[in-house]
N, C-alpha and C. Protein backbone atom coordinates (compact mmCIF):
# COMPACT_ATOMS: atom_id res chain seq x y z
N MET A 1 0.85 -1.16 0.00
CA MET A 1 0.00 0.00 0.00
C MET A 1 0.91 1.23 0.00
N GLN A 2 0.60 2.16 -0.88
CA GLN A 2 1.37 3.39 -0.97
C GLN A 2 0.44 4.59 -0.85
N ILE A 3 0.96 5.65 -0.27
CA ILE A 3 0.23 6.91 -0.22
C ILE A 3 0.99 7.88 -1.11
N SER A 4 0.29 8.45 -2.06
CA SER A 4 0.93 9.39 -2.97
C SER A 4 0.22 10.73 -2.93
N ARG A 5 0.94 11.77 -3.35
CA ARG A 5 0.36 13.11 -3.47
C ARG A 5 0.28 13.43 -4.95
N ARG A 6 -0.90 13.85 -5.38
CA ARG A 6 -1.04 14.22 -6.79
C ARG A 6 -2.17 15.22 -6.95
N LEU A 7 -2.07 15.99 -8.01
CA LEU A 7 -3.12 16.95 -8.32
C LEU A 7 -4.36 16.20 -8.80
N LEU A 8 -5.50 16.80 -8.58
CA LEU A 8 -6.76 16.19 -8.99
C LEU A 8 -6.95 16.36 -10.49
N ALA A 9 -7.15 15.27 -11.19
CA ALA A 9 -7.41 15.32 -12.63
C ALA A 9 -8.88 15.70 -12.86
N LYS A 10 -9.20 16.18 -14.04
CA LYS A 10 -10.56 16.65 -14.33
C LYS A 10 -11.60 15.55 -14.20
N ASP A 11 -11.26 14.32 -14.50
CA ASP A 11 -12.23 13.24 -14.49
C ASP A 11 -12.29 12.49 -13.14
N GLN A 12 -11.52 12.93 -12.16
CA GLN A 12 -11.49 12.25 -10.86
C GLN A 12 -12.52 12.85 -9.90
N THR A 13 -13.02 12.00 -9.01
CA THR A 13 -13.92 12.45 -7.97
C THR A 13 -13.14 13.27 -6.95
N ASP A 14 -13.68 14.40 -6.58
CA ASP A 14 -13.06 15.25 -5.57
C ASP A 14 -13.53 14.76 -4.20
N HIS A 15 -12.84 13.75 -3.66
CA HIS A 15 -13.24 13.14 -2.40
C HIS A 15 -13.19 14.13 -1.24
N GLU A 16 -12.23 15.04 -1.27
CA GLU A 16 -12.13 16.01 -0.19
C GLU A 16 -13.37 16.90 -0.15
N LEU A 17 -13.79 17.41 -1.28
CA LEU A 17 -14.99 18.26 -1.33
C LEU A 17 -16.24 17.45 -0.99
N LEU A 18 -16.34 16.26 -1.54
CA LEU A 18 -17.51 15.41 -1.31
C LEU A 18 -17.67 15.08 0.18
N TRP A 19 -16.61 14.55 0.80
CA TRP A 19 -16.74 14.08 2.18
C TRP A 19 -16.73 15.21 3.19
N LEU A 20 -16.09 16.34 2.88
CA LEU A 20 -16.19 17.50 3.74
C LEU A 20 -17.63 18.03 3.72
N SER A 21 -18.24 18.05 2.54
CA SER A 21 -19.64 18.49 2.44
C SER A 21 -20.58 17.56 3.19
N VAL A 22 -20.36 16.27 3.05
CA VAL A 22 -21.21 15.29 3.74
C VAL A 22 -21.06 15.42 5.26
N SER A 23 -19.83 15.53 5.75
CA SER A 23 -19.65 15.60 7.20
C SER A 23 -20.18 16.92 7.77
N LEU A 24 -19.96 18.03 7.07
CA LEU A 24 -20.50 19.29 7.56
C LEU A 24 -22.02 19.32 7.46
N GLY A 25 -22.57 18.71 6.42
CA GLY A 25 -24.03 18.60 6.31
C GLY A 25 -24.61 17.77 7.44
N GLY A 26 -23.94 16.67 7.77
CA GLY A 26 -24.38 15.85 8.90
C GLY A 26 -24.30 16.59 10.22
N LEU A 27 -23.23 17.35 10.40
CA LEU A 27 -23.08 18.13 11.63
C LEU A 27 -24.18 19.19 11.72
N ILE A 28 -24.45 19.88 10.64
CA ILE A 28 -25.51 20.89 10.63
C ILE A 28 -26.87 20.24 10.90
N GLY A 29 -27.10 19.08 10.30
CA GLY A 29 -28.35 18.36 10.55
C GLY A 29 -28.50 17.95 12.00
N ALA A 30 -27.43 17.45 12.60
CA ALA A 30 -27.48 17.03 14.00
C ALA A 30 -27.68 18.21 14.94
N VAL A 31 -26.98 19.31 14.68
CA VAL A 31 -27.14 20.50 15.51
C VAL A 31 -28.56 21.04 15.40
N THR A 32 -29.09 21.05 14.19
CA THR A 32 -30.47 21.51 13.99
C THR A 32 -31.45 20.61 14.72
N TRP A 33 -31.26 19.30 14.61
CA TRP A 33 -32.12 18.33 15.28
C TRP A 33 -32.16 18.59 16.79
N LEU A 34 -30.97 18.74 17.38
CA LEU A 34 -30.90 18.94 18.82
C LEU A 34 -31.40 20.34 19.21
N ALA A 35 -31.15 21.35 18.38
CA ALA A 35 -31.61 22.71 18.68
C ALA A 35 -33.14 22.80 18.66
N LEU A 36 -33.76 22.02 17.78
CA LEU A 36 -35.22 22.00 17.71
C LEU A 36 -35.84 21.10 18.79
N LYS A 37 -34.97 20.48 19.59
CA LYS A 37 -35.40 19.58 20.67
C LYS A 37 -36.29 18.45 20.16
N LEU A 38 -35.91 17.92 19.01
CA LEU A 38 -36.61 16.76 18.47
C LEU A 38 -36.22 15.54 19.29
N PRO A 39 -37.02 14.48 19.26
CA PRO A 39 -36.71 13.30 20.09
C PRO A 39 -35.39 12.65 19.66
N TRP A 40 -34.69 12.12 20.66
CA TRP A 40 -33.43 11.43 20.40
C TRP A 40 -33.71 10.17 19.60
N PRO A 41 -32.77 9.77 18.77
CA PRO A 41 -32.95 8.50 18.05
C PRO A 41 -33.00 7.33 19.03
N ILE A 42 -33.82 6.36 18.72
CA ILE A 42 -33.97 5.19 19.58
C ILE A 42 -33.25 4.01 18.92
N CYS A 43 -32.45 3.33 19.70
CA CYS A 43 -31.75 2.14 19.21
C CYS A 43 -32.71 0.95 19.29
N LEU A 44 -33.10 0.44 18.13
CA LEU A 44 -34.04 -0.69 18.12
C LEU A 44 -33.44 -1.95 18.73
N PHE A 45 -32.14 -2.15 18.51
CA PHE A 45 -31.47 -3.32 19.09
C PHE A 45 -31.57 -3.26 20.61
N HIS A 46 -31.27 -2.09 21.19
CA HIS A 46 -31.33 -1.93 22.64
C HIS A 46 -32.77 -2.06 23.14
N ALA A 47 -33.71 -1.51 22.39
CA ALA A 47 -35.11 -1.58 22.79
C ALA A 47 -35.61 -3.03 22.80
N LEU A 48 -35.14 -3.83 21.86
CA LEU A 48 -35.61 -5.21 21.77
C LEU A 48 -34.87 -6.17 22.70
N THR A 49 -33.56 -5.92 22.93
CA THR A 49 -32.76 -6.89 23.68
C THR A 49 -32.33 -6.41 25.06
N SER A 50 -32.46 -5.13 25.34
CA SER A 50 -31.96 -4.50 26.58
C SER A 50 -30.45 -4.55 26.69
N HIS A 51 -29.76 -4.79 25.58
CA HIS A 51 -28.30 -4.78 25.52
C HIS A 51 -27.88 -3.72 24.51
N PRO A 52 -26.74 -3.09 24.75
CA PRO A 52 -26.29 -2.07 23.80
C PRO A 52 -25.84 -2.68 22.47
N CYS A 53 -26.09 -1.95 21.39
CA CYS A 53 -25.58 -2.36 20.08
C CYS A 53 -24.14 -1.88 19.97
N PRO A 54 -23.41 -2.25 18.92
CA PRO A 54 -22.01 -1.82 18.81
C PRO A 54 -21.81 -0.30 18.77
N MET A 55 -22.83 0.45 18.43
CA MET A 55 -22.68 1.90 18.34
C MET A 55 -23.52 2.65 19.38
N CYS A 56 -24.10 1.96 20.34
CA CYS A 56 -24.86 2.64 21.39
C CYS A 56 -23.96 3.65 22.10
N GLY A 57 -24.52 4.79 22.38
CA GLY A 57 -23.78 5.85 23.06
C GLY A 57 -23.08 6.79 22.09
N ALA A 58 -23.17 6.54 20.79
CA ALA A 58 -22.48 7.38 19.82
C ALA A 58 -23.04 8.80 19.79
N THR A 59 -24.33 8.96 19.96
CA THR A 59 -24.92 10.30 19.98
C THR A 59 -24.45 11.06 21.21
N ARG A 60 -24.50 10.42 22.38
CA ARG A 60 -24.02 11.07 23.60
C ARG A 60 -22.52 11.35 23.53
N SER A 61 -21.78 10.45 22.88
CA SER A 61 -20.35 10.66 22.69
C SER A 61 -20.11 11.87 21.79
N ALA A 62 -20.90 12.03 20.75
CA ALA A 62 -20.76 13.18 19.85
C ALA A 62 -21.05 14.48 20.57
N ILE A 63 -22.10 14.49 21.38
CA ILE A 63 -22.44 15.71 22.12
C ILE A 63 -21.31 16.08 23.07
N ALA A 64 -20.79 15.10 23.79
CA ALA A 64 -19.67 15.37 24.70
C ALA A 64 -18.43 15.82 23.92
N PHE A 65 -18.16 15.18 22.79
CA PHE A 65 -17.00 15.53 21.96
C PHE A 65 -17.07 16.99 21.52
N PHE A 66 -18.23 17.41 21.02
CA PHE A 66 -18.36 18.77 20.51
C PHE A 66 -18.48 19.82 21.62
N HIS A 67 -18.64 19.36 22.86
CA HIS A 67 -18.56 20.27 24.01
C HIS A 67 -17.16 20.25 24.63
N GLY A 68 -16.23 19.54 24.01
CA GLY A 68 -14.86 19.49 24.50
C GLY A 68 -14.66 18.57 25.68
N GLN A 69 -15.63 17.72 25.98
CA GLN A 69 -15.53 16.77 27.10
C GLN A 69 -15.05 15.43 26.54
N PHE A 70 -13.77 15.39 26.20
CA PHE A 70 -13.23 14.26 25.47
C PHE A 70 -13.20 12.96 26.27
N PHE A 71 -12.90 13.04 27.56
CA PHE A 71 -12.90 11.82 28.37
C PHE A 71 -14.31 11.24 28.48
N THR A 72 -15.30 12.10 28.64
CA THR A 72 -16.69 11.64 28.70
C THR A 72 -17.10 11.02 27.36
N ALA A 73 -16.69 11.66 26.27
CA ALA A 73 -16.99 11.12 24.94
C ALA A 73 -16.37 9.73 24.77
N TRP A 74 -15.14 9.58 25.25
CA TRP A 74 -14.46 8.29 25.17
C TRP A 74 -15.22 7.23 25.98
N LYS A 75 -15.68 7.59 27.18
CA LYS A 75 -16.38 6.63 28.02
C LYS A 75 -17.70 6.18 27.38
N TRP A 76 -18.42 7.08 26.72
CA TRP A 76 -19.69 6.70 26.11
C TRP A 76 -19.49 5.70 24.98
N ASN A 77 -18.50 5.93 24.13
CA ASN A 77 -18.27 5.02 23.01
C ASN A 77 -16.89 5.29 22.43
N PRO A 78 -15.89 4.48 22.80
CA PRO A 78 -14.52 4.72 22.34
C PRO A 78 -14.37 4.71 20.81
N LEU A 79 -15.05 3.81 20.15
CA LEU A 79 -14.92 3.74 18.69
C LEU A 79 -15.52 4.97 18.02
N ALA A 80 -16.65 5.44 18.51
CA ALA A 80 -17.25 6.66 17.97
C ALA A 80 -16.32 7.84 18.24
N PHE A 81 -15.72 7.90 19.44
CA PHE A 81 -14.79 8.98 19.76
C PHE A 81 -13.63 8.99 18.77
N LEU A 82 -13.05 7.83 18.49
CA LEU A 82 -11.95 7.75 17.53
C LEU A 82 -12.40 8.17 16.13
N ALA A 83 -13.63 7.81 15.78
CA ALA A 83 -14.17 8.22 14.48
C ALA A 83 -14.33 9.73 14.40
N TYR A 84 -14.79 10.36 15.49
CA TYR A 84 -14.93 11.82 15.50
C TYR A 84 -13.57 12.50 15.40
N CYS A 85 -12.56 11.94 16.07
CA CYS A 85 -11.20 12.49 15.96
C CYS A 85 -10.69 12.38 14.53
N ALA A 86 -10.85 11.20 13.93
CA ALA A 86 -10.39 11.00 12.55
C ALA A 86 -11.13 11.91 11.59
N LEU A 87 -12.43 12.05 11.78
CA LEU A 87 -13.22 12.92 10.91
C LEU A 87 -12.80 14.38 11.06
N SER A 88 -12.50 14.81 12.26
CA SER A 88 -12.04 16.18 12.48
C SER A 88 -10.71 16.43 11.76
N ILE A 89 -9.81 15.47 11.85
CA ILE A 89 -8.52 15.59 11.17
C ILE A 89 -8.73 15.61 9.65
N PHE A 90 -9.57 14.72 9.14
CA PHE A 90 -9.84 14.70 7.70
C PHE A 90 -10.48 16.01 7.24
N ASP A 91 -11.43 16.52 8.00
CA ASP A 91 -12.09 17.77 7.61
C ASP A 91 -11.09 18.93 7.56
N ALA A 92 -10.18 19.00 8.52
CA ALA A 92 -9.16 20.05 8.50
C ALA A 92 -8.26 19.89 7.28
N TYR A 93 -7.83 18.64 7.00
CA TYR A 93 -7.03 18.37 5.80
C TYR A 93 -7.78 18.76 4.54
N ALA A 94 -9.04 18.35 4.43
CA ALA A 94 -9.83 18.63 3.23
C ALA A 94 -10.00 20.13 3.04
N PHE A 95 -10.26 20.86 4.11
CA PHE A 95 -10.42 22.31 4.01
C PHE A 95 -9.14 22.96 3.48
N VAL A 96 -8.00 22.58 4.06
CA VAL A 96 -6.72 23.16 3.64
C VAL A 96 -6.43 22.82 2.17
N VAL A 97 -6.66 21.58 1.78
CA VAL A 97 -6.40 21.17 0.40
C VAL A 97 -7.31 21.91 -0.57
N LEU A 98 -8.57 22.08 -0.21
CA LEU A 98 -9.50 22.77 -1.09
C LEU A 98 -9.16 24.25 -1.22
N VAL A 99 -8.79 24.89 -0.12
CA VAL A 99 -8.48 26.32 -0.16
C VAL A 99 -7.17 26.58 -0.91
N THR A 100 -6.16 25.75 -0.66
CA THR A 100 -4.84 25.98 -1.27
C THR A 100 -4.68 25.30 -2.62
N ARG A 101 -5.64 24.46 -3.00
CA ARG A 101 -5.55 23.69 -4.26
C ARG A 101 -4.27 22.86 -4.33
N ALA A 102 -3.91 22.31 -3.19
CA ALA A 102 -2.70 21.51 -3.06
C ALA A 102 -2.93 20.11 -3.62
N PRO A 103 -1.86 19.37 -3.88
CA PRO A 103 -2.00 17.97 -4.30
C PRO A 103 -2.74 17.16 -3.23
N ARG A 104 -3.49 16.18 -3.68
CA ARG A 104 -4.31 15.36 -2.79
C ARG A 104 -3.56 14.09 -2.40
N LEU A 105 -3.84 13.60 -1.20
CA LEU A 105 -3.30 12.32 -0.77
C LEU A 105 -4.21 11.21 -1.28
N ARG A 106 -3.62 10.19 -1.85
CA ARG A 106 -4.37 9.05 -2.34
C ARG A 106 -3.65 7.76 -1.98
N ILE A 107 -4.43 6.76 -1.63
CA ILE A 107 -3.88 5.42 -1.39
C ILE A 107 -3.85 4.69 -2.72
N THR A 108 -2.70 4.17 -3.06
CA THR A 108 -2.55 3.45 -4.34
C THR A 108 -1.88 2.11 -4.10
N HIS A 109 -2.07 1.23 -5.02
CA HIS A 109 -1.42 -0.08 -5.03
C HIS A 109 -1.69 -0.90 -3.77
N ALA A 110 -2.93 -0.92 -3.32
CA ALA A 110 -3.30 -1.74 -2.16
C ALA A 110 -3.51 -3.18 -2.64
N THR A 111 -2.81 -4.10 -2.00
CA THR A 111 -2.95 -5.50 -2.36
C THR A 111 -4.17 -6.10 -1.68
N ALA A 112 -4.57 -7.25 -2.14
CA ALA A 112 -5.71 -7.95 -1.54
C ALA A 112 -5.42 -8.29 -0.07
N THR A 113 -4.20 -8.67 0.23
CA THR A 113 -3.81 -8.99 1.61
C THR A 113 -3.94 -7.76 2.50
N GLU A 114 -3.48 -6.63 2.01
CA GLU A 114 -3.58 -5.40 2.79
C GLU A 114 -5.03 -4.99 3.01
N MET A 115 -5.86 -5.13 2.00
CA MET A 115 -7.27 -4.79 2.13
C MET A 115 -7.97 -5.74 3.10
N ASN A 116 -7.62 -7.02 3.07
CA ASN A 116 -8.18 -7.98 4.03
C ASN A 116 -7.76 -7.63 5.45
N PHE A 117 -6.51 -7.20 5.62
CA PHE A 117 -6.03 -6.77 6.94
C PHE A 117 -6.86 -5.60 7.44
N VAL A 118 -7.14 -4.64 6.58
CA VAL A 118 -7.95 -3.47 6.96
C VAL A 118 -9.35 -3.93 7.37
N ARG A 119 -9.96 -4.82 6.58
CA ARG A 119 -11.30 -5.32 6.89
C ARG A 119 -11.33 -6.04 8.24
N ILE A 120 -10.37 -6.90 8.46
CA ILE A 120 -10.30 -7.66 9.72
C ILE A 120 -10.09 -6.72 10.90
N THR A 121 -9.26 -5.70 10.72
CA THR A 121 -9.01 -4.72 11.78
C THR A 121 -10.29 -3.96 12.13
N VAL A 122 -11.05 -3.57 11.12
CA VAL A 122 -12.31 -2.84 11.37
C VAL A 122 -13.29 -3.73 12.12
N VAL A 123 -13.44 -4.97 11.70
CA VAL A 123 -14.35 -5.89 12.38
C VAL A 123 -13.89 -6.13 13.82
N ALA A 124 -12.59 -6.27 14.03
CA ALA A 124 -12.06 -6.48 15.38
C ALA A 124 -12.31 -5.25 16.26
N LEU A 125 -12.14 -4.05 15.71
CA LEU A 125 -12.40 -2.83 16.48
C LEU A 125 -13.87 -2.73 16.88
N VAL A 126 -14.77 -3.06 15.97
CA VAL A 126 -16.20 -3.04 16.29
C VAL A 126 -16.51 -4.07 17.37
N ALA A 127 -15.92 -5.26 17.27
CA ALA A 127 -16.16 -6.31 18.27
C ALA A 127 -15.64 -5.91 19.64
N VAL A 128 -14.43 -5.36 19.70
CA VAL A 128 -13.86 -4.94 20.98
C VAL A 128 -14.68 -3.79 21.57
N ASN A 129 -15.12 -2.87 20.72
CA ASN A 129 -15.96 -1.77 21.20
C ASN A 129 -17.27 -2.30 21.76
N TRP A 130 -17.86 -3.28 21.10
CA TRP A 130 -19.12 -3.85 21.57
C TRP A 130 -18.93 -4.54 22.91
N ILE A 131 -17.84 -5.27 23.05
CA ILE A 131 -17.56 -5.93 24.33
C ILE A 131 -17.42 -4.88 25.43
N TYR A 132 -16.70 -3.79 25.14
CA TYR A 132 -16.57 -2.70 26.11
C TYR A 132 -17.95 -2.18 26.51
N LEU A 133 -18.81 -1.94 25.54
CA LEU A 133 -20.14 -1.39 25.83
C LEU A 133 -20.97 -2.38 26.66
N LEU A 134 -20.85 -3.65 26.38
CA LEU A 134 -21.57 -4.66 27.14
C LEU A 134 -21.08 -4.74 28.58
N VAL A 135 -19.77 -4.58 28.79
CA VAL A 135 -19.19 -4.72 30.13
C VAL A 135 -19.24 -3.42 30.91
N ALA A 136 -18.84 -2.33 30.29
CA ALA A 136 -18.67 -1.07 31.01
C ALA A 136 -19.95 -0.24 31.10
N ASN A 137 -20.83 -0.37 30.12
CA ASN A 137 -22.04 0.46 30.08
C ASN A 137 -23.28 -0.39 29.89
N PRO A 138 -23.55 -1.31 30.81
CA PRO A 138 -24.70 -2.18 30.59
C PRO A 138 -26.05 -1.47 30.68
N SER A 139 -26.08 -0.25 31.23
CA SER A 139 -27.36 0.43 31.41
C SER A 139 -27.63 1.48 30.34
N LEU A 140 -26.94 1.39 29.20
CA LEU A 140 -27.16 2.39 28.15
C LEU A 140 -28.59 2.53 27.87
């Protein structure tokens, strides 16, 4: 797997613009939802089983994260907290790249073995996060 820097060609998807727009749109939607005091989303898995799903606590983690309460955000859902950190870093990168029209970072030449490693790592992170939620936060 290699990471390269290159200018965006005319026929290429502008991932930085696309995903920055999606993440900012999601943030605006969430802030609007909470500002209007609409009902919180209900986890159907938790409602049916009384056990947390792999992403239970992600909304509370996001609220704590955006209030700067990082330890609280971590306690609610460590995987969601890491995702918010990664998304914040990506959004900052995307903004700088879009404003400066700098070369973009792209992953190239990923082998099947490397992609399988990434898939297995993601599944393992979700499983470990779920175990944490089952053990540490049984009353979600």
